[in-house]
Structure formats: C-alpha cells, structure tokens
PDB file of all heavy atoms in Angstrom:
ATOM      1  N   PRO A   1     110.877   5.592 -14.517  1.00  0.00           N
ATOM      2  CA  PRO A   1     112.223   5.090 -14.858  1.00  0.00           C
ATOM      3  C   PRO A   1     113.136   4.893 -13.659  1.00  0.00           C
ATOM      4  O   PRO A   1     114.045   4.067 -13.699  1.00  0.00           O
ATOM      5  CB  PRO A   1     112.762   6.166 -15.812  1.00  0.00           C
ATOM      6  CG  PRO A   1     111.986   7.401 -15.482  1.00  0.00           C
ATOM      7  CD  PRO A   1     110.626   6.935 -15.061  1.00  0.00           C
ATOM      8  N   ASN A   2     112.924   5.660 -12.584  1.00  0.00           N
ATOM      9  CA  ASN A   2     113.775   5.532 -11.396  1.00  0.00           C
ATOM     10  C   ASN A   2     113.086   6.204 -10.205  1.00  0.00           C
ATOM     11  O   ASN A   2     112.030   6.844 -10.355  1.00  0.00           O
ATOM     12  CB  ASN A   2     115.156   6.155 -11.638  1.00  0.00           C
ATOM     13  CG  ASN A   2     115.060   7.596 -12.119  1.00  0.00           C
ATOM     14  OD1 ASN A   2     114.460   8.447 -11.479  1.00  0.00           O
ATOM     15  ND2 ASN A   2     115.659   7.870 -13.289  1.00  0.00           N
ATOM     16  N   ALA A   3     113.687   6.056  -9.032  1.00  0.00           N
ATOM     17  CA  ALA A   3     113.083   6.558  -7.799  1.00  0.00           C
ATOM     18  C   ALA A   3     112.974   8.077  -7.791  1.00  0.00           C
ATOM     19  O   ALA A   3     111.997   8.640  -7.293  1.00  0.00           O
ATOM     20  CB  ALA A   3     113.889   6.081  -6.587  1.00  0.00           C
ATOM     21  N   GLU A   4     113.985   8.745  -8.311  1.00  0.00           N
ATOM     22  CA  GLU A   4     113.963  10.204  -8.305  1.00  0.00           C
ATOM     23  C   GLU A   4     112.823  10.745  -9.155  1.00  0.00           C
ATOM     24  O   GLU A   4     112.096  11.668  -8.746  1.00  0.00           O
ATOM     25  CB  GLU A   4     115.300  10.758  -8.800  1.00  0.00           C
ATOM     26  CG  GLU A   4     115.400  12.268  -8.688  1.00  0.00           C
ATOM     27  CD  GLU A   4     116.786  12.788  -8.996  1.00  0.00           C
ATOM     28  OE1 GLU A   4     117.701  11.972  -9.174  1.00  0.00           O
ATOM     29  OE2 GLU A   4     116.944  14.024  -9.044  1.00  0.00           O
ATOM     30  N   GLU A   5     112.647  10.170 -10.346  1.00  0.00           N
ATOM     31  CA  GLU A   5     111.553  10.607 -11.214  1.00  0.00           C
ATOM     32  C   GLU A   5     110.191  10.245 -10.606  1.00  0.00           C
ATOM     33  O   GLU A   5     109.221  10.992 -10.748  1.00  0.00           O
ATOM     34  CB  GLU A   5     111.705   9.977 -12.601  1.00  0.00           C
ATOM     35  CG  GLU A   5     112.836  10.563 -13.424  1.00  0.00           C
ATOM     36  CD  GLU A   5     112.673  12.058 -13.614  1.00  0.00           C
ATOM     37  OE1 GLU A   5     111.596  12.492 -14.066  1.00  0.00           O
ATOM     38  OE2 GLU A   5     113.626  12.800 -13.296  1.00  0.00           O
ATOM     39  N   PHE A   6     110.128   9.104  -9.948  1.00  0.00           N
ATOM     40  CA  PHE A   6     108.904   8.709  -9.258  1.00  0.00           C
ATOM     41  C   PHE A   6     108.523   9.760  -8.212  1.00  0.00           C
ATOM     42  O   PHE A   6     107.375  10.194  -8.132  1.00  0.00           O
ATOM     43  CB  PHE A   6     109.100   7.343  -8.593  1.00  0.00           C
ATOM     44  CG  PHE A   6     107.947   6.903  -7.729  1.00  0.00           C
ATOM     45  CD1 PHE A   6     106.922   6.136  -8.262  1.00  0.00           C
ATOM     46  CD2 PHE A   6     107.890   7.249  -6.382  1.00  0.00           C
ATOM     47  CE1 PHE A   6     105.857   5.717  -7.463  1.00  0.00           C
ATOM     48  CE2 PHE A   6     106.830   6.841  -5.581  1.00  0.00           C
ATOM     49  CZ  PHE A   6     105.810   6.078  -6.125  1.00  0.00           C
ATOM     50  N   HIS A   7     109.506  10.185  -7.422  1.00  0.00           N
ATOM     51  CA  HIS A   7     109.221  11.169  -6.372  1.00  0.00           C
ATOM     52  C   HIS A   7     108.777  12.498  -6.967  1.00  0.00           C
ATOM     53  O   HIS A   7     107.787  13.088  -6.509  1.00  0.00           O
ATOM     54  CB  HIS A   7     110.449  11.384  -5.487  1.00  0.00           C
ATOM     55  CG  HIS A   7     110.220  12.407  -4.405  1.00  0.00           C
ATOM     56  ND1 HIS A   7     109.351  12.200  -3.361  1.00  0.00           N
ATOM     57  CD2 HIS A   7     110.721  13.663  -4.235  1.00  0.00           C
ATOM     58  CE1 HIS A   7     109.328  13.270  -2.575  1.00  0.00           C
ATOM     59  NE2 HIS A   7     110.150  14.162  -3.086  1.00  0.00           N
ATOM     60  N   LYS A   8     109.460  12.957  -7.984  1.00  0.00           N
ATOM     61  CA  LYS A   8     109.087  14.229  -8.618  1.00  0.00           C
ATOM     62  C   LYS A   8     107.657  14.173  -9.144  1.00  0.00           C
ATOM     63  O   LYS A   8     106.899  15.141  -9.040  1.00  0.00           O
ATOM     64  CB  LYS A   8     110.052  14.561  -9.763  1.00  0.00           C
ATOM     65  CG  LYS A   8     111.442  14.974  -9.310  1.00  0.00           C
ATOM     66  CD  LYS A   8     112.323  15.271 -10.512  1.00  0.00           C
ATOM     67  CE  LYS A   8     113.724  15.685 -10.089  1.00  0.00           C
ATOM     68  NZ  LYS A   8     114.607  15.931 -11.269  1.00  0.00           N
ATOM     69  N   GLU A   9     107.286  13.011  -9.679  1.00  0.00           N
ATOM     70  CA  GLU A   9     105.933  12.875 -10.226  1.00  0.00           C
ATOM     71  C   GLU A   9     104.883  12.882  -9.113  1.00  0.00           C
ATOM     72  O   GLU A   9     103.815  13.471  -9.271  1.00  0.00           O
ATOM     73  CB  GLU A   9     105.840  11.592 -11.053  1.00  0.00           C
ATOM     74  CG  GLU A   9     104.509  11.387 -11.750  1.00  0.00           C
ATOM     75  CD  GLU A   9     104.248  12.336 -12.905  1.00  0.00           C
ATOM     76  OE1 GLU A   9     105.143  13.153 -13.241  1.00  0.00           O
ATOM     77  OE2 GLU A   9     103.146  12.270 -13.491  1.00  0.00           O
ATOM     78  N   THR A  10     105.182  12.227  -7.993  1.00  0.00           N
ATOM     79  CA  THR A  10     104.216  12.258  -6.879  1.00  0.00           C
ATOM     80  C   THR A  10     104.086  13.661  -6.310  1.00  0.00           C
ATOM     81  O   THR A  10     102.985  14.089  -5.959  1.00  0.00           O
ATOM     82  CB  THR A  10     104.604  11.270  -5.765  1.00  0.00           C
ATOM     83  OG1 THR A  10     105.918  11.562  -5.278  1.00  0.00           O
ATOM     84  CG2 THR A  10     104.542   9.839  -6.243  1.00  0.00           C
ATOM     85  N   VAL A  11     105.187  14.388  -6.232  1.00  0.00           N
ATOM     86  CA  VAL A  11     105.121  15.778  -5.763  1.00  0.00           C
ATOM     87  C   VAL A  11     104.240  16.605  -6.698  1.00  0.00           C
ATOM     88  O   VAL A  11     103.366  17.361  -6.250  1.00  0.00           O
ATOM     89  CB  VAL A  11     106.534  16.399  -5.669  1.00  0.00           C
ATOM     90  CG1 VAL A  11     106.435  17.906  -5.388  1.00  0.00           C
ATOM     91  CG2 VAL A  11     107.343  15.726  -4.575  1.00  0.00           C
ATOM     92  N   MET A  12     104.445  16.448  -7.991  1.00  0.00           N
ATOM     93  CA  MET A  12     103.634  17.183  -8.961  1.00  0.00           C
ATOM     94  C   MET A  12     102.163  16.816  -8.819  1.00  0.00           C
ATOM     95  O   MET A  12     101.286  17.692  -8.842  1.00  0.00           O
ATOM     96  CB  MET A  12     104.131  16.886 -10.378  1.00  0.00           C
ATOM     97  CG  MET A  12     103.411  17.680 -11.483  1.00  0.00           C
ATOM     98  SD  MET A  12     101.832  16.963 -12.013  1.00  0.00           S
ATOM     99  CE  MET A  12     102.413  15.496 -12.868  1.00  0.00           C
ATOM    100  N   ARG A  13     101.872  15.520  -8.648  1.00  0.00           N
ATOM    101  CA  ARG A  13     100.479  15.083  -8.514  1.00  0.00           C
ATOM    102  C   ARG A  13      99.835  15.647  -7.249  1.00  0.00           C
ATOM    103  O   ARG A  13      98.671  16.072  -7.262  1.00  0.00           O
ATOM    104  CB  ARG A  13     100.405  13.557  -8.504  1.00  0.00           C
ATOM    105  CG  ARG A  13     100.580  12.920  -9.863  1.00  0.00           C
ATOM    106  CD  ARG A  13      99.436  13.267 -10.796  1.00  0.00           C
ATOM    107  NE  ARG A  13      99.665  12.762 -12.150  1.00  0.00           N
ATOM    108  CZ  ARG A  13      99.114  13.287 -13.228  1.00  0.00           C
ATOM    109  NH1 ARG A  13      98.312  14.314 -13.143  1.00  0.00           N
ATOM    110  NH2 ARG A  13      99.360  12.789 -14.424  1.00  0.00           N
ATOM    111  N   VAL A  14     100.565  15.662  -6.160  1.00  0.00           N
ATOM    112  CA  VAL A  14     100.030  16.235  -4.916  1.00  0.00           C
ATOM    113  C   VAL A  14      99.763  17.723  -5.096  1.00  0.00           C
ATOM    114  O   VAL A  14      98.704  18.236  -4.698  1.00  0.00           O
ATOM    115  CB  VAL A  14     101.004  15.996  -3.734  1.00  0.00           C
ATOM    116  CG1 VAL A  14     100.577  16.800  -2.500  1.00  0.00           C
ATOM    117  CG2 VAL A  14     101.064  14.511  -3.390  1.00  0.00           C
ATOM    118  N   GLN A  15     100.700  18.425  -5.696  1.00  0.00           N
ATOM    119  CA  GLN A  15     100.541  19.867  -5.887  1.00  0.00           C
ATOM    120  C   GLN A  15      99.439  20.215  -6.882  1.00  0.00           C
ATOM    121  O   GLN A  15      98.912  21.326  -6.848  1.00  0.00           O
ATOM    122  CB  GLN A  15     101.867  20.474  -6.341  1.00  0.00           C
ATOM    123  CG  GLN A  15     102.946  20.445  -5.259  1.00  0.00           C
ATOM    124  CD  GLN A  15     104.237  21.081  -5.713  1.00  0.00           C
ATOM    125  OE1 GLN A  15     104.668  20.923  -6.856  1.00  0.00           O
ATOM    126  NE2 GLN A  15     104.876  21.806  -4.821  1.00  0.00           N
ATOM    127  N   ASN A  16      99.078  19.266  -7.749  1.00  0.00           N
ATOM    128  CA  ASN A  16      98.040  19.517  -8.749  1.00  0.00           C
ATOM    129  C   ASN A  16      96.691  18.889  -8.395  1.00  0.00           C
ATOM    130  O   ASN A  16      95.772  18.905  -9.226  1.00  0.00           O
ATOM    131  CB  ASN A  16      98.488  19.000 -10.113  1.00  0.00           C
ATOM    132  CG  ASN A  16      99.546  19.887 -10.737  1.00  0.00           C
ATOM    133  OD1 ASN A  16      99.785  21.007 -10.289  1.00  0.00           O
ATOM    134  ND2 ASN A  16     100.193  19.395 -11.773  1.00  0.00           N
ATOM    135  N   LEU A  17      96.564  18.353  -7.193  1.00  0.00           N
ATOM    136  CA  LEU A  17      95.310  17.728  -6.796  1.00  0.00           C
ATOM    137  C   LEU A  17      94.121  18.681  -6.907  1.00  0.00           C
ATOM    138  O   LEU A  17      92.998  18.263  -7.189  1.00  0.00           O
ATOM    139  CB  LEU A  17      95.405  17.209  -5.359  1.00  0.00           C
ATOM    140  CG  LEU A  17      95.846  15.757  -5.196  1.00  0.00           C
ATOM    141  CD1 LEU A  17      96.284  15.499  -3.760  1.00  0.00           C
ATOM    142  CD2 LEU A  17      94.733  14.813  -5.593  1.00  0.00           C
ATOM    143  N   HIS A  18      94.373  19.967  -6.695  1.00  0.00           N
ATOM    144  CA  HIS A  18      93.259  20.929  -6.707  1.00  0.00           C
ATOM    145  C   HIS A  18      92.710  21.160  -8.116  1.00  0.00           C
ATOM    146  O   HIS A  18      91.627  21.732  -8.268  1.00  0.00           O
ATOM    147  CB  HIS A  18      93.698  22.254  -6.093  1.00  0.00           C
ATOM    148  CG  HIS A  18      94.749  22.993  -6.873  1.00  0.00           C
ATOM    149  ND1 HIS A  18      96.052  22.562  -6.951  1.00  0.00           N
ATOM    150  CD2 HIS A  18      94.689  24.127  -7.619  1.00  0.00           C
ATOM    151  CE1 HIS A  18      96.749  23.408  -7.685  1.00  0.00           C
ATOM    152  NE2 HIS A  18      95.950  24.365  -8.114  1.00  0.00           N
ATOM    153  N   TYR A  19      93.441  20.707  -9.141  1.00  0.00           N
ATOM    154  CA  TYR A  19      92.932  20.800 -10.509  1.00  0.00           C
ATOM    155  C   TYR A  19      92.054  19.608 -10.875  1.00  0.00           C
ATOM    156  O   TYR A  19      91.313  19.673 -11.857  1.00  0.00           O
ATOM    157  CB  TYR A  19      94.090  20.843 -11.509  1.00  0.00           C
ATOM    158  CG  TYR A  19      94.911  22.099 -11.504  1.00  0.00           C
ATOM    159  CD1 TYR A  19      96.227  22.087 -11.073  1.00  0.00           C
ATOM    160  CD2 TYR A  19      94.373  23.306 -11.949  1.00  0.00           C
ATOM    161  CE1 TYR A  19      97.001  23.240 -11.085  1.00  0.00           C
ATOM    162  CE2 TYR A  19      95.137  24.461 -11.962  1.00  0.00           C
ATOM    163  CZ  TYR A  19      96.450  24.423 -11.528  1.00  0.00           C
ATOM    164  OH  TYR A  19      97.207  25.565 -11.532  1.00  0.00           O
ATOM    165  N   ALA A  20      92.167  18.510 -10.144  1.00  0.00           N
ATOM    166  CA  ALA A  20      91.528  17.270 -10.583  1.00  0.00           C
ATOM    167  C   ALA A  20      90.735  16.605  -9.469  1.00  0.00           C
ATOM    168  O   ALA A  20      89.577  16.937  -9.241  1.00  0.00           O
ATOM    169  CB  ALA A  20      92.602  16.326 -11.140  1.00  0.00           C
ATOM    170  N   ASP A  21      91.350  15.664  -8.734  1.00  0.00           N
ATOM    171  CA  ASP A  21      90.595  14.858  -7.781  1.00  0.00           C
ATOM    172  C   ASP A  21      89.937  15.684  -6.677  1.00  0.00           C
ATOM    173  O   ASP A  21      88.780  15.444  -6.328  1.00  0.00           O
ATOM    174  CB  ASP A  21      91.507  13.799  -7.151  1.00  0.00           C
ATOM    175  CG  ASP A  21      91.752  12.641  -8.106  1.00  0.00           C
ATOM    176  OD1 ASP A  21      91.913  12.909  -9.314  1.00  0.00           O
ATOM    177  OD2 ASP A  21      91.787  11.482  -7.661  1.00  0.00           O
ATOM    178  N   CYS A  22      90.660  16.641  -6.112  1.00  0.00           N
ATOM    179  CA  CYS A  22      90.058  17.475  -5.062  1.00  0.00           C
ATOM    180  C   CYS A  22      88.933  18.337  -5.628  1.00  0.00           C
ATOM    181  O   CYS A  22      87.888  18.512  -4.988  1.00  0.00           O
ATOM    182  CB  CYS A  22      91.116  18.364  -4.410  1.00  0.00           C
ATOM    183  SG  CYS A  22      92.190  17.475  -3.264  1.00  0.00           S
ATOM    184  N   LEU A  23      89.144  18.862  -6.816  1.00  0.00           N
ATOM    185  CA  LEU A  23      88.125  19.686  -7.457  1.00  0.00           C
ATOM    186  C   LEU A  23      86.867  18.867  -7.722  1.00  0.00           C
ATOM    187  O   LEU A  23      85.755  19.272  -7.396  1.00  0.00           O
ATOM    188  CB  LEU A  23      88.700  20.257  -8.750  1.00  0.00           C
ATOM    189  CG  LEU A  23      87.785  21.145  -9.595  1.00  0.00           C
ATOM    190  CD1 LEU A  23      88.604  22.262 -10.232  1.00  0.00           C
ATOM    191  CD2 LEU A  23      87.121  20.332 -10.709  1.00  0.00           C
ATOM    192  N   ARG A  24      87.050  17.683  -8.313  1.00  0.00           N
ATOM    193  CA  ARG A  24      85.907  16.821  -8.613  1.00  0.00           C
ATOM    194  C   ARG A  24      85.203  16.349  -7.354  1.00  0.00           C
ATOM    195  O   ARG A  24      83.974  16.374  -7.250  1.00  0.00           O
ATOM    196  CB  ARG A  24      86.400  15.628  -9.434  1.00  0.00           C
ATOM    197  CG  ARG A  24      85.328  14.607  -9.779  1.00  0.00           C
ATOM    198  CD  ARG A  24      85.421  13.374  -8.906  1.00  0.00           C
ATOM    199  NE  ARG A  24      86.732  12.767  -8.965  1.00  0.00           N
ATOM    200  CZ  ARG A  24      87.152  11.881  -8.087  1.00  0.00           C
ATOM    201  NH1 ARG A  24      86.376  11.513  -7.090  1.00  0.00           N
ATOM    202  NH2 ARG A  24      88.374  11.362  -8.166  1.00  0.00           N
ATOM    203  N   ALA A  25      85.979  15.945  -6.351  1.00  0.00           N
ATOM    204  CA  ALA A  25      85.393  15.415  -5.123  1.00  0.00           C
ATOM    205  C   ALA A  25      84.617  16.485  -4.366  1.00  0.00           C
ATOM    206  O   ALA A  25      83.500  16.245  -3.883  1.00  0.00           O
ATOM    207  CB  ALA A  25      86.494  14.834  -4.230  1.00  0.00           C
ATOM    208  N   ASN A  26      85.200  17.672  -4.267  1.00  0.00           N
ATOM    209  CA  ASN A  26      84.536  18.742  -3.528  1.00  0.00           C
ATOM    210  C   ASN A  26      83.303  19.260  -4.251  1.00  0.00           C
ATOM    211  O   ASN A  26      82.211  19.344  -3.681  1.00  0.00           O
ATOM    212  CB  ASN A  26      85.516  19.889  -3.266  1.00  0.00           C
ATOM    213  CG  ASN A  26      84.885  21.016  -2.486  1.00  0.00           C
ATOM    214  OD1 ASN A  26      84.189  21.867  -3.033  1.00  0.00           O
ATOM    215  ND2 ASN A  26      85.093  21.018  -1.178  1.00  0.00           N
ATOM    216  N   LYS A  27      83.461  19.584  -5.522  1.00  0.00           N
ATOM    217  CA  LYS A  27      82.348  20.212  -6.236  1.00  0.00           C
ATOM    218  C   LYS A  27      81.272  19.205  -6.632  1.00  0.00           C
ATOM    219  O   LYS A  27      80.085  19.558  -6.710  1.00  0.00           O
ATOM    220  CB  LYS A  27      82.872  20.957  -7.458  1.00  0.00           C
ATOM    221  CG  LYS A  27      83.740  22.157  -7.101  1.00  0.00           C
ATOM    222  CD  LYS A  27      84.247  22.850  -8.345  1.00  0.00           C
ATOM    223  CE  LYS A  27      85.104  24.055  -8.009  1.00  0.00           C
ATOM    224  NZ  LYS A  27      85.667  24.699  -9.213  1.00  0.00           N
ATOM    225  N   GLY A  28      81.674  17.950  -6.877  1.00  0.00           N
ATOM    226  CA  GLY A  28      80.688  16.940  -7.222  1.00  0.00           C
ATOM    227  C   GLY A  28      79.737  16.630  -6.083  1.00  0.00           C
ATOM    228  O   GLY A  28      78.547  16.381  -6.300  1.00  0.00           O
ATOM    229  N   THR A  29      80.244  16.643  -4.860  1.00  0.00           N
ATOM    230  CA  THR A  29      79.383  16.411  -3.695  1.00  0.00           C
ATOM    231  C   THR A  29      78.676  17.701  -3.275  1.00  0.00           C
ATOM    232  O   THR A  29      77.496  17.681  -2.912  1.00  0.00           O
ATOM    233  CB  THR A  29      80.201  15.856  -2.519  1.00  0.00           C
ATOM    234  OG1 THR A  29      81.353  16.689  -2.292  1.00  0.00           O
ATOM    235  CG2 THR A  29      80.660  14.435  -2.800  1.00  0.00           C
ATOM    236  N   SER A  30      79.373  18.822  -3.340  1.00  0.00           N
ATOM    237  CA  SER A  30      78.779  20.103  -2.939  1.00  0.00           C
ATOM    238  C   SER A  30      77.618  20.504  -3.835  1.00  0.00           C
ATOM    239  O   SER A  30      76.772  21.301  -3.432  1.00  0.00           O
ATOM    240  CB  SER A  30      79.841  21.210  -2.961  1.00  0.00           C
ATOM    241  OG  SER A  30      80.824  20.984  -1.984  1.00  0.00           O
ATOM    242  N   ALA A  31      77.564  19.962  -5.043  1.00  0.00           N
ATOM    243  CA  ALA A  31      76.453  20.268  -5.946  1.00  0.00           C
ATOM    244  C   ALA A  31      75.112  19.906  -5.319  1.00  0.00           C
ATOM    245  O   ALA A  31      74.076  20.471  -5.669  1.00  0.00           O
ATOM    246  CB  ALA A  31      76.634  19.518  -7.264  1.00  0.00           C
ATOM    247  N   TRP A  32      75.133  18.959  -4.361  1.00  0.00           N
ATOM    248  CA  TRP A  32      73.909  18.544  -3.669  1.00  0.00           C
ATOM    249  C   TRP A  32      73.978  18.831  -2.178  1.00  0.00           C
ATOM    250  O   TRP A  32      73.271  18.197  -1.380  1.00  0.00           O
ATOM    251  CB  TRP A  32      73.642  17.052  -3.924  1.00  0.00           C
ATOM    252  CG  TRP A  32      73.429  16.776  -5.368  1.00  0.00           C
ATOM    253  CD1 TRP A  32      74.271  16.164  -6.238  1.00  0.00           C
ATOM    254  CD2 TRP A  32      72.285  17.164  -6.142  1.00  0.00           C
ATOM    255  NE1 TRP A  32      73.749  16.132  -7.496  1.00  0.00           N
ATOM    256  CE2 TRP A  32      72.518  16.733  -7.467  1.00  0.00           C
ATOM    257  CE3 TRP A  32      71.086  17.827  -5.842  1.00  0.00           C
ATOM    258  CZ2 TRP A  32      71.600  16.950  -8.503  1.00  0.00           C
ATOM    259  CZ3 TRP A  32      70.171  18.036  -6.872  1.00  0.00           C
ATOM    260  CH2 TRP A  32      70.431  17.599  -8.177  1.00  0.00           C
ATOM    261  N   GLY A  33      74.826  19.781  -1.768  1.00  0.00           N
ATOM    262  CA  GLY A  33      74.891  20.153  -0.363  1.00  0.00           C
ATOM    263  C   GLY A  33      75.409  19.033   0.521  1.00  0.00           C
ATOM    264  O   GLY A  33      74.908  18.808   1.628  1.00  0.00           O
ATOM    265  N   LEU A  34      76.421  18.326   0.044  1.00  0.00           N
ATOM    266  CA  LEU A  34      77.026  17.221   0.772  1.00  0.00           C
ATOM    267  C   LEU A  34      78.497  17.531   0.995  1.00  0.00           C
ATOM    268  O   LEU A  34      79.176  17.986   0.075  1.00  0.00           O
ATOM    269  CB  LEU A  34      76.861  15.925  -0.035  1.00  0.00           C
ATOM    270  CG  LEU A  34      77.376  14.622   0.560  1.00  0.00           C
ATOM    271  CD1 LEU A  34      76.562  14.228   1.790  1.00  0.00           C
ATOM    272  CD2 LEU A  34      77.315  13.504  -0.497  1.00  0.00           C
ATOM    273  N   GLU A  35      78.984  17.300   2.209  1.00  0.00           N
ATOM    274  CA  GLU A  35      80.398  17.548   2.505  1.00  0.00           C
ATOM    275  C   GLU A  35      81.200  16.261   2.379  1.00  0.00           C
ATOM    276  O   GLU A  35      80.806  15.221   2.907  1.00  0.00           O
ATOM    277  CB  GLU A  35      80.548  18.095   3.927  1.00  0.00           C
ATOM    278  CG  GLU A  35      82.002  18.288   4.349  1.00  0.00           C
ATOM    279  CD  GLU A  35      82.135  19.019   5.662  1.00  0.00           C
ATOM    280  OE1 GLU A  35      81.822  20.226   5.708  1.00  0.00           O
ATOM    281  OE2 GLU A  35      82.525  18.384   6.659  1.00  0.00           O
ATOM    282  N   LEU A  36      82.328  16.342   1.689  1.00  0.00           N
ATOM    283  CA  LEU A  36      83.213  15.191   1.525  1.00  0.00           C
ATOM    284  C   LEU A  36      84.541  15.471   2.225  1.00  0.00           C
ATOM    285  O   LEU A  36      85.135  16.535   2.038  1.00  0.00           O
ATOM    286  CB  LEU A  36      83.437  14.895   0.047  1.00  0.00           C
ATOM    287  CG  LEU A  36      84.296  13.671  -0.260  1.00  0.00           C
ATOM    288  CD1 LEU A  36      83.701  12.869  -1.407  1.00  0.00           C
ATOM    289  CD2 LEU A  36      85.732  14.084  -0.622  1.00  0.00           C
ATOM    290  N   ARG A  37      84.984  14.501   3.034  1.00  0.00           N
ATOM    291  CA  ARG A  37      86.245  14.640   3.764  1.00  0.00           C
ATOM    292  C   ARG A  37      87.236  13.580   3.300  1.00  0.00           C
ATOM    293  O   ARG A  37      86.853  12.447   3.010  1.00  0.00           O
ATOM    294  CB  ARG A  37      86.014  14.513   5.271  1.00  0.00           C
ATOM    295  CG  ARG A  37      85.109  15.598   5.830  1.00  0.00           C
ATOM    296  CD  ARG A  37      84.982  15.486   7.337  1.00  0.00           C
ATOM    297  NE  ARG A  37      84.054  16.464   7.881  1.00  0.00           N
ATOM    298  CZ  ARG A  37      83.716  16.541   9.162  1.00  0.00           C
ATOM    299  NH1 ARG A  37      84.252  15.684  10.035  1.00  0.00           N
ATOM    300  NH2 ARG A  37      82.868  17.450   9.579  1.00  0.00           N
ATOM    301  N   VAL A  38      88.515  13.952   3.282  1.00  0.00           N
ATOM    302  CA  VAL A  38      89.549  13.113   2.669  1.00  0.00           C
ATOM    303  C   VAL A  38      90.717  12.910   3.646  1.00  0.00           C
ATOM    304  O   VAL A  38      91.696  13.641   3.615  1.00  0.00           O
ATOM    305  CB  VAL A  38      90.040  13.748   1.349  1.00  0.00           C
ATOM    306  CG1 VAL A  38      89.028  13.512   0.252  1.00  0.00           C
ATOM    307  CG2 VAL A  38      90.258  15.264   1.495  1.00  0.00           C
ATOM    308  N   PRO A  39      90.643  11.889   4.510  1.00  0.00           N
ATOM    309  CA  PRO A  39      91.684  11.681   5.530  1.00  0.00           C
ATOM    310  C   PRO A  39      93.088  11.485   4.968  1.00  0.00           C
ATOM    311  O   PRO A  39      94.068  11.854   5.631  1.00  0.00           O
ATOM    312  CB  PRO A  39      91.205  10.418   6.258  1.00  0.00           C
ATOM    313  CG  PRO A  39      89.724  10.391   6.055  1.00  0.00           C
ATOM    314  CD  PRO A  39      89.509  10.961   4.688  1.00  0.00           C
ATOM    315  N   PHE A  40      93.207  10.897   3.766  1.00  0.00           N
ATOM    316  CA  PHE A  40      94.546  10.718   3.199  1.00  0.00           C
ATOM    317  C   PHE A  40      95.245  12.055   2.959  1.00  0.00           C
ATOM    318  O   PHE A  40      96.475  12.111   2.867  1.00  0.00           O
ATOM    319  CB  PHE A  40      94.468   9.953   1.873  1.00  0.00           C
ATOM    320  CG  PHE A  40      94.387   8.456   2.033  1.00  0.00           C
ATOM    321  CD1 PHE A  40      93.199   7.779   1.807  1.00  0.00           C
ATOM    322  CD2 PHE A  40      95.504   7.724   2.402  1.00  0.00           C
ATOM    323  CE1 PHE A  40      93.121   6.399   1.941  1.00  0.00           C
ATOM    324  CE2 PHE A  40      95.444   6.341   2.545  1.00  0.00           C
ATOM    325  CZ  PHE A  40      94.240   5.674   2.318  1.00  0.00           C
ATOM    326  N   LEU A  41      94.469  13.143   2.854  1.00  0.00           N
ATOM    327  CA  LEU A  41      95.062  14.457   2.595  1.00  0.00           C
ATOM    328  C   LEU A  41      95.155  15.314   3.850  1.00  0.00           C
ATOM    329  O   LEU A  41      95.360  16.517   3.769  1.00  0.00           O
ATOM    330  CB  LEU A  41      94.275  15.169   1.495  1.00  0.00           C
ATOM    331  CG  LEU A  41      94.357  14.477   0.132  1.00  0.00           C
ATOM    332  CD1 LEU A  41      93.531  15.203  -0.905  1.00  0.00           C
ATOM    333  CD2 LEU A  41      95.816  14.359  -0.330  1.00  0.00           C
ATOM    334  N   ASP A  42      95.010  14.690   5.008  1.00  0.00           N
ATOM    335  CA  ASP A  42      95.333  15.361   6.266  1.00  0.00           C
ATOM    336  C   ASP A  42      96.776  15.864   6.178  1.00  0.00           C
ATOM    337  O   ASP A  42      97.681  15.126   5.761  1.00  0.00           O
ATOM    338  CB  ASP A  42      95.179  14.368   7.418  1.00  0.00           C
ATOM    339  CG  ASP A  42      95.660  14.923   8.745  1.00  0.00           C
ATOM    340  OD1 ASP A  42      94.882  15.638   9.394  1.00  0.00           O
ATOM    341  OD2 ASP A  42      96.821  14.645   9.110  1.00  0.00           O
ATOM    342  N   THR A  43      97.009  17.107   6.558  1.00  0.00           N
ATOM    343  CA  THR A  43      98.326  17.727   6.352  1.00  0.00           C
ATOM    344  C   THR A  43      99.452  16.930   6.995  1.00  0.00           C
ATOM    345  O   THR A  43     100.507  16.697   6.382  1.00  0.00           O
ATOM    346  CB  THR A  43      98.332  19.164   6.897  1.00  0.00           C
ATOM    347  OG1 THR A  43      97.302  19.912   6.256  1.00  0.00           O
ATOM    348  CG2 THR A  43      99.666  19.831   6.634  1.00  0.00           C
TER     349      THR A  43
END
C-alpha cells in the first residue's frame, strides 16, 4: 500500500529467511554433501 509498509515487509522477509529460502537452500544441497553460497546475503 505504501513505501513504509513495503519496507517493513522486506525487513520481516529478511529476518525470516532462515525459516524458508535459506533453510531450503542450505539443507536441500547439504543432503548430498554440496555447499551452496548466496552472495546477495553477504552481510
């Protein structure tokens, strides 16, 4: 609806990455002994 709500939602999504995309990416590749690196999430 507006920029402020957009920002709050992106903050929430970043803080919740470990429940979804990071969890899937790490464990899905690690299941076969493969390391996955994610440059967009460089601190």
